[in-house]
Every structure is written in structure tokens, then in C-alpha cells.
Amino acid sequence: MTKKKQDEWQFFRKPSGHIAYNKKCLHCKRKCKQSYRVVILRCDLFDKRR
């Protein structure tokens, strides 16, 4: 894995080292998953549910 890819995934890693996604993205089939650290910024499926 390149240095750039490692830096990108660091934002998704919990202190334990596991990659974690936002609760609302866990069961989504799309590839646009967001980190557990952020508030959902933009998601078409989430907007439709509201």
C-alpha cells in the first residue's frame, strides 16, 4: 500500500486499528462510505429517507 493510501485510511481507523464507518453507512451497498468521525456530509440515500 502506498503512503498516500495509508494516510487516507488513517482517518477511518479507530485507536484499536480497526477500520470503522459511520453508523448510517454500515449496511449501505455503495462505495461512498464515510468515516465514523464525521457527520454525514452528503448522501443521496440518506436524503431520500428523510
Protein backbone atom coordinates (compact mmCIF):
# COMPACT_ATOMS: atom_id res chain seq x y z
CA MET A 1 0.00 0.00 0.00
CA THR A 2 1.32 3.45 -0.84
CA LYS A 3 1.93 6.16 1.73
CA LYS A 4 -0.98 8.21 0.37
CA LYS A 5 -3.41 5.29 0.74
CA GLN A 6 -2.23 4.66 4.30
CA ASP A 7 -2.81 8.30 5.20
CA GLU A 8 -6.34 8.17 3.73
CA TRP A 9 -7.28 5.06 5.73
CA GLN A 10 -5.84 6.54 8.93
CA PHE A 11 -8.93 8.79 9.14
CA PHE A 12 -11.15 5.66 9.24
CA ARG A 13 -9.13 3.76 11.85
CA LYS A 14 -10.18 3.62 15.47
CA PRO A 15 -7.47 3.67 18.17
CA SER A 16 -7.62 -0.14 18.16
CA GLY A 17 -6.54 -0.13 14.50
CA HIS A 18 -9.81 -1.41 13.01
CA ILE A 19 -11.42 0.46 10.12
CA ALA A 20 -14.80 1.89 11.13
CA TYR A 21 -17.52 3.56 9.09
CA ASN A 22 -20.35 5.88 10.06
CA LYS A 23 -23.38 4.05 11.55
CA LYS A 24 -25.59 5.09 8.66
CA CYS A 25 -23.07 3.75 6.12
CA LEU A 26 -22.53 0.31 7.62
CA HIS A 27 -25.25 -1.52 5.69
CA CYS A 28 -25.13 0.61 2.55
CA LYS A 29 -24.04 -1.17 -0.63
CA ARG A 30 -22.45 1.93 -2.16
CA LYS A 31 -18.70 2.55 -2.11
CA CYS A 32 -19.02 6.12 -0.78
CA LYS A 33 -18.78 5.12 2.89
CA GLN A 34 -17.79 7.84 5.34
CA SER A 35 -15.65 7.68 8.45
CA TYR A 36 -17.13 7.18 11.90
CA ARG A 37 -15.61 10.55 12.84
CA VAL A 38 -17.77 12.72 10.58
CA VAL A 39 -21.35 13.84 10.50
CA ILE A 40 -22.93 12.72 7.21
CA LEU A 41 -21.99 15.39 4.71
CA ARG A 42 -23.75 14.22 1.58
CA CYS A 43 -25.65 11.03 0.87
CA ASP A 44 -28.46 10.72 -1.68
CA LEU A 45 -29.97 7.67 0.02
CA PHE A 46 -29.96 9.35 3.43
CA ASP A 47 -31.61 12.47 1.95
CA LYS A 48 -34.36 10.36 0.34
CA ARG A 49 -35.15 8.62 3.65
CA ARG A 50 -35.70 11.92 5.42
